[in-house]
Protein backbone atom coordinates (compact mmCIF):
# COMPACT_ATOMS: atom_id res chain seq x y z
CA MET A 1 17.90 -32.14 -19.03
CA GLN A 2 14.80 -31.92 -16.89
CA LYS A 3 12.26 -29.34 -17.99
CA LYS A 4 11.86 -26.46 -15.54
CA LEU A 5 8.65 -26.34 -13.55
CA VAL A 6 8.49 -22.54 -13.57
CA PRO A 7 9.39 -20.41 -16.62
CA GLU A 8 12.46 -18.26 -16.19
CA TYR A 9 10.49 -15.05 -16.69
CA ILE A 10 8.28 -16.00 -13.73
CA GLU A 11 11.24 -16.90 -11.51
CA LYS A 12 12.73 -13.45 -12.18
CA LEU A 13 9.55 -11.56 -11.28
CA GLU A 14 9.51 -9.37 -8.19
CA VAL A 15 6.36 -9.48 -6.08
CA TYR A 16 4.37 -6.24 -5.97
CA GLN A 17 5.03 -4.36 -2.74
CA ALA A 18 2.02 -2.57 -1.30
CA GLY A 19 2.13 0.25 1.22
CA LYS A 20 2.64 -0.81 4.84
CA PRO A 21 -0.74 -1.68 6.45
CA ILE A 22 -1.93 0.36 9.43
CA ASP A 23 -2.51 -2.74 11.58
CA GLU A 24 1.02 -4.00 10.91
CA LEU A 25 2.59 -0.73 12.04
CA ALA A 26 0.36 -0.62 15.11
CA ARG A 27 1.56 -4.10 16.11
CA GLU A 28 5.21 -3.30 15.47
CA LYS A 29 5.38 0.06 17.20
CA GLY A 30 2.53 -0.11 19.68
CA LEU A 31 1.16 3.17 18.35
CA SER A 32 -2.47 4.27 18.55
CA LYS A 33 -2.25 7.24 16.18
CA ILE A 34 -1.26 6.27 12.65
CA SER A 35 -1.59 8.23 9.42
CA LYS A 36 -1.23 6.16 6.28
CA LEU A 37 0.02 8.36 3.44
CA ALA A 38 1.44 5.58 1.29
CA SER A 39 -1.21 4.13 -1.03
CA ASN A 40 -3.05 7.07 -2.63
CA GLU A 41 -6.36 6.12 -1.05
CA ASN A 42 -9.28 8.49 -0.48
CA PRO A 43 -8.76 9.81 3.07
CA LEU A 44 -12.43 10.79 3.36
CA GLY A 45 -13.44 7.15 3.05
CA PRO A 46 -16.30 5.73 0.98
CA SER A 47 -19.50 7.53 0.11
CA PRO A 48 -22.44 6.88 2.43
CA PHE A 49 -24.33 5.91 -0.73
CA ALA A 50 -21.72 3.23 -1.41
CA ILE A 51 -21.90 1.98 2.19
CA ARG A 52 -25.70 1.74 1.99
CA GLU A 53 -25.61 -0.23 -1.26
CA MET A 54 -22.89 -2.58 0.02
CA THR A 55 -24.67 -3.11 3.35
CA ASN A 56 -27.94 -4.01 1.62
CA ALA A 57 -26.04 -6.36 -0.70
CA LEU A 58 -24.75 -8.39 2.25
CA TRP A 59 -28.09 -10.17 2.32
CA ASP A 60 -27.37 -11.52 -1.16
CA VAL A 61 -23.83 -12.82 -0.72
CA HIS A 62 -25.13 -16.41 -0.89
CA ARG A 63 -25.93 -15.68 -4.56
CA TYR A 64 -23.45 -15.29 -7.38
CA PRO A 65 -23.16 -11.69 -8.59
CA ASP A 66 -24.67 -10.54 -11.86
CA MET A 67 -22.11 -11.81 -14.34
CA PHE A 68 -22.98 -8.99 -16.75
CA ALA A 69 -23.13 -6.28 -14.04
CA HIS A 70 -26.13 -4.72 -15.78
CA GLN A 71 -26.84 -2.07 -13.13
CA LEU A 72 -23.27 -0.77 -12.88
CA LYS A 73 -22.58 -0.93 -16.62
CA THR A 74 -25.81 0.96 -17.31
CA SER A 75 -24.77 3.69 -14.87
CA LEU A 76 -21.31 3.95 -16.41
CA GLY A 77 -22.81 3.96 -19.90
CA ASP A 78 -25.18 6.79 -18.98
CA LEU A 79 -22.36 8.80 -17.41
CA TYR A 80 -19.95 8.45 -20.33
CA ARG A 81 -22.48 7.95 -23.18
CA LEU A 82 -21.28 4.44 -23.99
CA ASN A 83 -22.92 1.15 -24.87
CA PRO A 84 -22.50 -1.70 -22.36
CA GLN A 85 -20.59 -3.76 -24.92
CA ASN A 86 -17.84 -1.12 -24.77
CA ILE A 87 -17.39 -1.55 -20.99
CA ILE A 88 -15.52 -4.18 -19.00
CA LEU A 89 -15.25 -4.52 -15.23
CA GLY A 90 -12.60 -6.14 -13.08
CA ASN A 91 -11.12 -6.45 -9.60
CA GLY A 92 -9.62 -2.98 -9.77
CA SER A 93 -8.12 -1.61 -12.97
CA GLU A 94 -5.21 -4.02 -12.39
CA GLY A 95 -7.65 -6.88 -12.82
CA ILE A 96 -8.44 -5.60 -16.30
CA MET A 97 -4.72 -5.20 -17.01
CA GLY A 98 -4.46 -8.90 -16.28
CA TYR A 99 -7.19 -9.62 -18.84
CA ILE A 100 -5.38 -7.49 -21.43
CA VAL A 101 -2.11 -9.31 -20.88
CA ARG A 102 -3.87 -12.69 -21.04
CA ALA A 103 -5.81 -11.87 -24.20
CA PHE A 104 -3.36 -9.92 -26.31
CA LEU A 105 0.24 -10.24 -25.14
CA GLN A 106 2.49 -13.15 -26.10
CA PRO A 107 6.07 -14.07 -25.14
CA ASN A 108 8.74 -11.81 -26.67
CA GLU A 109 6.23 -9.23 -27.90
CA GLU A 110 7.12 -5.72 -26.81
CA VAL A 111 5.54 -3.25 -24.44
CA VAL A 112 6.70 0.34 -24.86
CA THR A 113 6.33 2.64 -21.88
CA ALA A 114 8.26 5.13 -19.74
CA GLU A 115 10.82 4.44 -17.05
CA HIS A 116 9.63 4.51 -13.44
CA THR A 117 5.95 4.15 -14.30
CA PHE A 118 3.30 2.05 -12.52
CA ILE A 119 5.00 -1.19 -11.59
CA GLY A 120 1.82 -3.27 -11.40
CA PHE A 121 1.36 -3.40 -15.16
CA LEU A 122 5.04 -4.14 -15.75
CA ILE A 123 4.83 -7.18 -13.45
CA LEU A 124 1.79 -8.46 -15.33
CA ALA A 125 3.45 -7.99 -18.73
CA ARG A 126 6.62 -9.75 -17.62
CA SER A 127 4.52 -12.62 -16.26
CA VAL A 128 3.77 -13.74 -19.85
CA GLY A 129 7.34 -13.31 -21.07
CA ALA A 130 6.85 -9.98 -22.81
CA LYS A 131 9.78 -7.66 -23.44
CA ILE A 132 9.52 -4.31 -21.67
CA VAL A 133 10.99 -1.32 -23.50
CA GLN A 134 11.22 1.55 -21.02
CA VAL A 135 12.01 4.99 -22.40
CA PRO A 136 13.87 7.54 -20.23
CA ARG A 137 11.78 10.47 -19.02
CA THR A 138 12.31 14.14 -19.73
CA ALA A 139 14.17 16.31 -17.22
CA ASN A 140 10.85 17.28 -15.59
CA TYR A 141 9.75 13.65 -15.05
CA LYS A 142 7.30 13.55 -17.97
CA TYR A 143 6.82 10.85 -20.58
CA ASP A 144 9.07 11.55 -23.57
CA VAL A 145 6.50 10.81 -26.28
CA GLU A 146 8.91 11.54 -29.13
CA ALA A 147 11.38 8.98 -27.80
CA MET A 148 8.54 6.52 -27.22
CA ALA A 149 7.33 6.97 -30.80
CA ARG A 150 10.81 6.09 -32.08
CA LYS A 151 10.74 2.81 -30.13
CA ILE A 152 7.47 1.58 -31.65
CA ASN A 153 7.99 -1.12 -34.27
CA GLN A 154 6.29 -4.16 -35.81
CA ASN A 155 6.89 -6.17 -32.63
CA THR A 156 5.27 -3.56 -30.37
CA LYS A 157 2.03 -5.05 -29.11
CA ILE A 158 1.18 -2.58 -26.34
CA VAL A 159 1.99 1.04 -25.52
CA TYR A 160 1.28 1.68 -21.84
CA ILE A 161 0.57 5.22 -20.65
CA ALA A 162 -0.37 5.98 -17.06
CA ASN A 163 -2.07 9.34 -17.40
CA PRO A 164 -1.64 10.87 -14.87
CA ASP A 165 1.38 8.82 -13.98
CA ASN A 166 2.10 6.98 -10.77
CA PRO A 167 4.49 7.61 -9.01
CA THR A 168 5.48 10.97 -10.54
CA GLY A 169 2.06 12.65 -10.80
CA THR A 170 2.88 14.15 -14.22
CA TYR A 171 0.70 13.74 -17.30
CA VAL A 172 0.76 13.49 -21.07
CA THR A 173 -0.95 16.51 -22.65
CA LYS A 174 -3.46 16.50 -25.50
CA GLN A 175 -0.80 17.65 -27.93
CA GLU A 176 1.62 14.95 -26.77
CA PHE A 177 -1.03 12.24 -26.91
CA ASP A 178 -2.11 13.28 -30.41
CA PHE A 179 1.53 13.19 -31.56
CA LEU A 180 2.07 9.74 -30.12
CA MET A 181 -1.09 8.30 -31.67
CA GLU A 182 0.11 9.43 -35.10
CA HIS A 183 2.98 6.96 -34.68
CA VAL A 184 1.01 4.00 -33.29
CA PRO A 185 0.14 1.35 -35.90
CA SER A 186 -3.26 -0.33 -35.90
CA HIS A 187 -1.82 -3.64 -34.63
CA THR A 188 -0.58 -1.97 -31.43
CA ILE A 189 -2.91 -1.54 -28.44
CA VAL A 190 -2.61 1.63 -26.38
CA ILE A 191 -3.53 1.32 -22.71
CA LEU A 192 -4.53 4.64 -21.18
CA ASP A 193 -4.41 4.00 -17.45
CA GLU A 194 -6.49 6.85 -16.04
CA ALA A 195 -6.70 5.71 -12.42
CA TYR A 196 -6.29 9.34 -11.30
CA PHE A 197 -8.59 10.82 -13.95
CA GLU A 198 -10.92 12.56 -11.50
CA PHE A 199 -8.04 14.59 -10.04
CA ALA A 200 -6.61 15.58 -13.44
CA GLN A 201 -9.75 16.27 -15.45
CA GLY A 202 -9.70 19.99 -14.63
CA GLN A 203 -6.42 20.52 -16.49
CA TRP A 204 -7.19 22.33 -19.74
CA ASP A 205 -4.66 20.29 -21.74
CA TYR A 206 -5.44 16.89 -20.21
CA PRO A 207 -6.53 14.39 -22.92
CA ASP A 208 -9.71 12.88 -21.45
CA SER A 209 -9.91 9.64 -23.42
CA MET A 210 -13.70 9.92 -23.62
CA ASN A 211 -13.14 12.69 -26.16
CA TYR A 212 -11.35 10.23 -28.47
CA ARG A 213 -12.59 7.16 -30.31
CA TYR A 214 -9.56 5.14 -31.36
CA ASP A 215 -10.25 1.48 -32.16
CA ASN A 216 -6.94 0.37 -30.59
CA VAL A 217 -7.14 2.32 -27.30
CA ILE A 218 -8.34 0.80 -24.03
CA THR A 219 -9.08 3.23 -21.19
CA LEU A 220 -8.78 2.02 -17.60
CA ARG A 221 -10.33 3.76 -14.59
CA THR A 222 -11.04 2.74 -11.03
CA PHE A 223 -13.20 3.19 -7.96
CA SER A 224 -10.12 2.76 -5.75
CA LYS A 225 -8.90 6.35 -5.74
CA ALA A 226 -11.33 9.28 -5.86
CA TYR A 227 -14.37 7.07 -5.18
CA GLY A 228 -12.84 5.60 -2.03
CA ILE A 229 -13.67 1.88 -2.23
CA SER A 230 -10.23 0.39 -2.88
CA GLY A 231 -10.89 -2.32 -0.29
CA VAL A 232 -13.57 -4.05 -2.37
CA ARG A 233 -11.68 -3.86 -5.71
CA CYS A 234 -13.64 -2.54 -8.66
CA GLY A 235 -12.21 -1.07 -11.85
CA TYR A 236 -13.64 -0.45 -15.29
CA GLY A 237 -12.42 -0.16 -18.84
CA PHE A 238 -13.67 1.32 -22.10
CA GLY A 239 -12.77 0.26 -25.62
CA HIS A 240 -13.89 -0.86 -29.05
CA ASP A 241 -16.36 -3.73 -28.79
CA TYR A 242 -13.91 -6.03 -30.62
CA LEU A 243 -11.28 -5.49 -27.90
CA ILE A 244 -13.75 -5.63 -25.02
CA GLY A 245 -15.40 -8.74 -26.45
CA ASN A 246 -12.07 -10.57 -26.51
CA LEU A 247 -11.27 -9.45 -22.99
CA HIS A 248 -14.52 -11.01 -21.81
CA LYS A 249 -13.35 -14.35 -23.23
CA VAL A 250 -10.48 -14.50 -20.72
CA LYS A 251 -12.21 -12.71 -17.84
CA LEU A 252 -13.18 -14.73 -14.78
CA PRO A 253 -16.98 -14.89 -14.95
CA PHE A 254 -18.00 -13.36 -11.62
CA GLU A 255 -15.54 -10.49 -11.22
CA PRO A 256 -16.07 -8.10 -9.58
CA GLY A 257 -18.14 -9.50 -6.73
CA VAL A 258 -21.59 -8.35 -5.69
CA ILE A 259 -20.31 -6.08 -2.89
CA ALA A 260 -17.91 -4.33 -5.27
CA GLN A 261 -20.56 -3.90 -7.95
CA LYS A 262 -23.04 -2.39 -5.51
CA GLY A 263 -20.44 -0.18 -3.85
CA ALA A 264 -19.35 1.21 -7.20
CA TYR A 265 -22.95 1.82 -8.22
CA GLY A 266 -23.60 3.77 -5.02
CA ALA A 267 -20.35 5.73 -5.30
CA LEU A 268 -21.21 6.87 -8.82
CA LYS A 269 -24.45 8.42 -7.57
CA ASP A 270 -22.85 10.51 -4.81
CA HIS A 271 -21.55 13.56 -6.66
CA PRO A 272 -21.22 15.71 -3.48
CA HIS A 273 -18.86 13.14 -1.95
CA LEU A 274 -16.67 13.25 -5.05
CA GLU A 275 -16.68 17.06 -4.93
CA ARG A 276 -15.63 17.02 -1.25
CA THR A 277 -12.85 14.60 -2.13
CA LEU A 278 -11.53 16.84 -4.88
CA GLU A 279 -11.77 19.95 -2.70
CA ASN A 280 -9.88 18.29 0.16
CA ASN A 281 -7.26 17.16 -2.33
CA LYS A 282 -6.86 20.68 -3.70
CA GLN A 283 -6.40 22.18 -0.25
CA ARG A 284 -4.01 19.52 1.04
CA TYR A 285 -1.96 19.60 -2.18
CA GLY A 286 -1.24 23.32 -1.85
CA GLU A 287 -0.27 22.96 1.80
CA LEU A 288 2.02 19.98 1.23
CA PHE A 289 3.72 21.46 -1.81
CA SER A 290 4.41 24.67 0.12
CA TYR A 291 5.72 22.76 3.15
CA LEU A 292 8.12 20.66 1.11
CA THR A 293 9.39 23.67 -0.81
CA ALA A 294 9.86 25.71 2.37
CA HIS A 295 11.92 22.88 3.88
CA GLY A 296 14.36 22.61 1.03
CA PHE A 297 12.85 19.82 -1.04
CA ASN A 298 11.96 20.04 -4.72
CA PRO A 299 8.57 18.34 -5.13
CA ILE A 300 7.41 17.20 -8.55
CA PRO A 301 4.28 19.16 -9.60
CA SER A 302 1.42 16.66 -9.57
CA VAL A 303 -2.18 16.49 -10.82
CA THR A 304 -3.04 13.52 -8.61
CA ASN A 305 -3.66 12.86 -4.91
CA PHE A 306 0.03 12.46 -4.06
CA ILE A 307 3.34 14.30 -4.34
CA THR A 308 6.73 12.72 -5.03
CA PHE A 309 10.02 14.38 -4.16
CA LYS A 310 13.71 13.62 -4.32
CA THR A 311 15.69 12.86 -1.18
CA GLY A 312 19.09 12.49 -2.81
CA SER A 313 19.88 8.83 -2.10
CA GLU A 314 18.32 5.50 -1.27
CA ALA A 315 19.77 5.73 2.23
CA ALA A 316 18.09 9.10 2.75
CA SER A 317 14.76 7.78 1.47
CA LEU A 318 14.84 4.79 3.80
CA ALA A 319 15.94 6.91 6.74
CA LEU A 320 13.06 9.33 6.22
CA TYR A 321 10.61 6.45 5.78
CA ASN A 322 11.76 4.65 8.94
CA GLU A 323 11.94 7.80 11.07
CA LEU A 324 8.37 8.70 10.09
CA LEU A 325 7.22 5.16 10.89
CA ASN A 326 8.47 5.71 14.44
CA HIS A 327 6.08 8.65 14.63
CA GLY A 328 3.14 6.72 13.18
CA VAL A 329 3.30 8.14 9.65
CA ILE A 330 3.50 5.80 6.66
CA ILE A 331 4.92 7.14 3.38
CA ARG A 332 6.13 5.28 0.27
CA PRO A 333 9.80 4.84 -0.68
CA LEU A 334 10.12 4.23 -4.42
CA ARG A 335 12.87 1.66 -4.77
CA ALA A 336 10.46 -0.73 -6.54
CA ASN A 337 9.94 1.90 -9.23
CA HIS A 338 13.71 2.23 -9.63
CA MET A 339 13.54 5.67 -8.02
CA PRO A 340 15.33 4.81 -4.78
CA ASP A 341 16.26 8.44 -4.14
CA HIS A 342 12.61 9.54 -4.11
CA VAL A 343 9.63 9.10 -1.79
CA ARG A 344 5.91 9.59 -2.37
CA ILE A 345 3.39 11.19 -0.01
CA SER A 346 -0.34 10.59 -0.41
CA LEU A 347 -2.61 13.50 0.46
CA GLY A 348 -4.62 12.78 3.60
CA THR A 349 -7.16 14.64 5.68
CA LYS A 350 -6.25 17.93 7.33
CA GLU A 351 -5.62 16.06 10.59
CA GLU A 352 -3.47 13.38 8.95
CA MET A 353 -1.37 15.99 7.19
CA ALA A 354 -0.92 17.90 10.46
CA HIS A 355 0.40 14.64 11.94
CA PHE A 356 2.82 14.36 9.02
CA TYR A 357 4.08 17.94 9.43
CA GLN A 358 4.56 17.47 13.18
CA ALA A 359 6.53 14.28 12.57
CA MET A 360 8.62 15.91 9.84
CA ASP A 361 9.46 18.83 12.11
CA GLU A 362 10.87 16.37 14.64
CA VAL A 363 12.66 14.21 12.08
CA LEU A 364 14.25 16.83 9.83
CA PRO A 365 16.99 18.10 12.21
CA ARG A 366 18.44 14.58 12.49
CA TYR A 367 17.89 14.01 8.77
CA ARG A 368 19.80 17.18 7.88
CA LYS A 369 22.63 16.33 10.23
CA LYS A 370 23.06 12.90 8.66
CA PHE A 371 22.42 13.66 4.98
CA GLY A 372 23.22 17.34 4.66
CA SER A 373 21.48 18.83 1.64
CA LEU A 374 17.86 17.77 1.36
CA GLN A 375 18.03 17.26 -2.41
């Protein structure tokens, strides 16, 4: 029998589906006004500091970037009181997830996580033939840490926690995290994916991983969300120098590129821009949550820059998605996360959200007529 060219676990993989691009919708519909509320990006855009640093760096794109990213690592180390050897950079936090999978995860080893969590990591884990053990969530969409603890065994190589979680927006509390860590053996790596850390850090019971020092925990954060430079791809990770050192062995040598490094360095320096981002998010969150509630939906309380809510069926989710596309508003149906009866709305600017509300007001009468109850 001829040996297969592609392993079965690769053939079965589903390609990651990103939010619909603005240009694509403009071409399809011939629309000039489009509000993209699908990908949890910073609607205020990048910091002027980041733009300045990236613009100046354009003159150096004929040179390879600093392989050790001294400037950016020093800034991150100063901010979080860490040594550079405890920091790794990548093309977004997903780039570092790829390093983790490459360095530590082998075929048939187990990853324990929650159902419906961030699909990007699950795709990467499956790409090396790992076994994914997904634990059902609680009734309020949270990670069930007690059930997760019961699933951890000698074959568990990684426990993945998106905190806060995407796409639900819920989070594991300090008490829950402490409980879970009591049940994690030393041979198991815990990934704390804190892509939405900046939005959640004000919660009194949020377990900021910088307040912990576990040898088997790797923290992941990103410049793609609150810092507003998702287009140049730059993420960072913290961990014990033994873990980080081994990640560097499998890391491509010049990731992230010079533009990403400089943009991230500039973004870190612009505290007022971050504060404006968080304030806009706070205002838009309250308005959107109230709108959805007033119109009969039951949104999931979120500590991120998006809100997810239940539509009742996959058909209803797709109908709402397509109707809003016709009005130039892009949202995110969650079939890929195995939540086909839910959709996710990113929080935009005041103007973008006004566009969304106007479109919803036009769409909802037809939606109600076709699907009845909104939940």
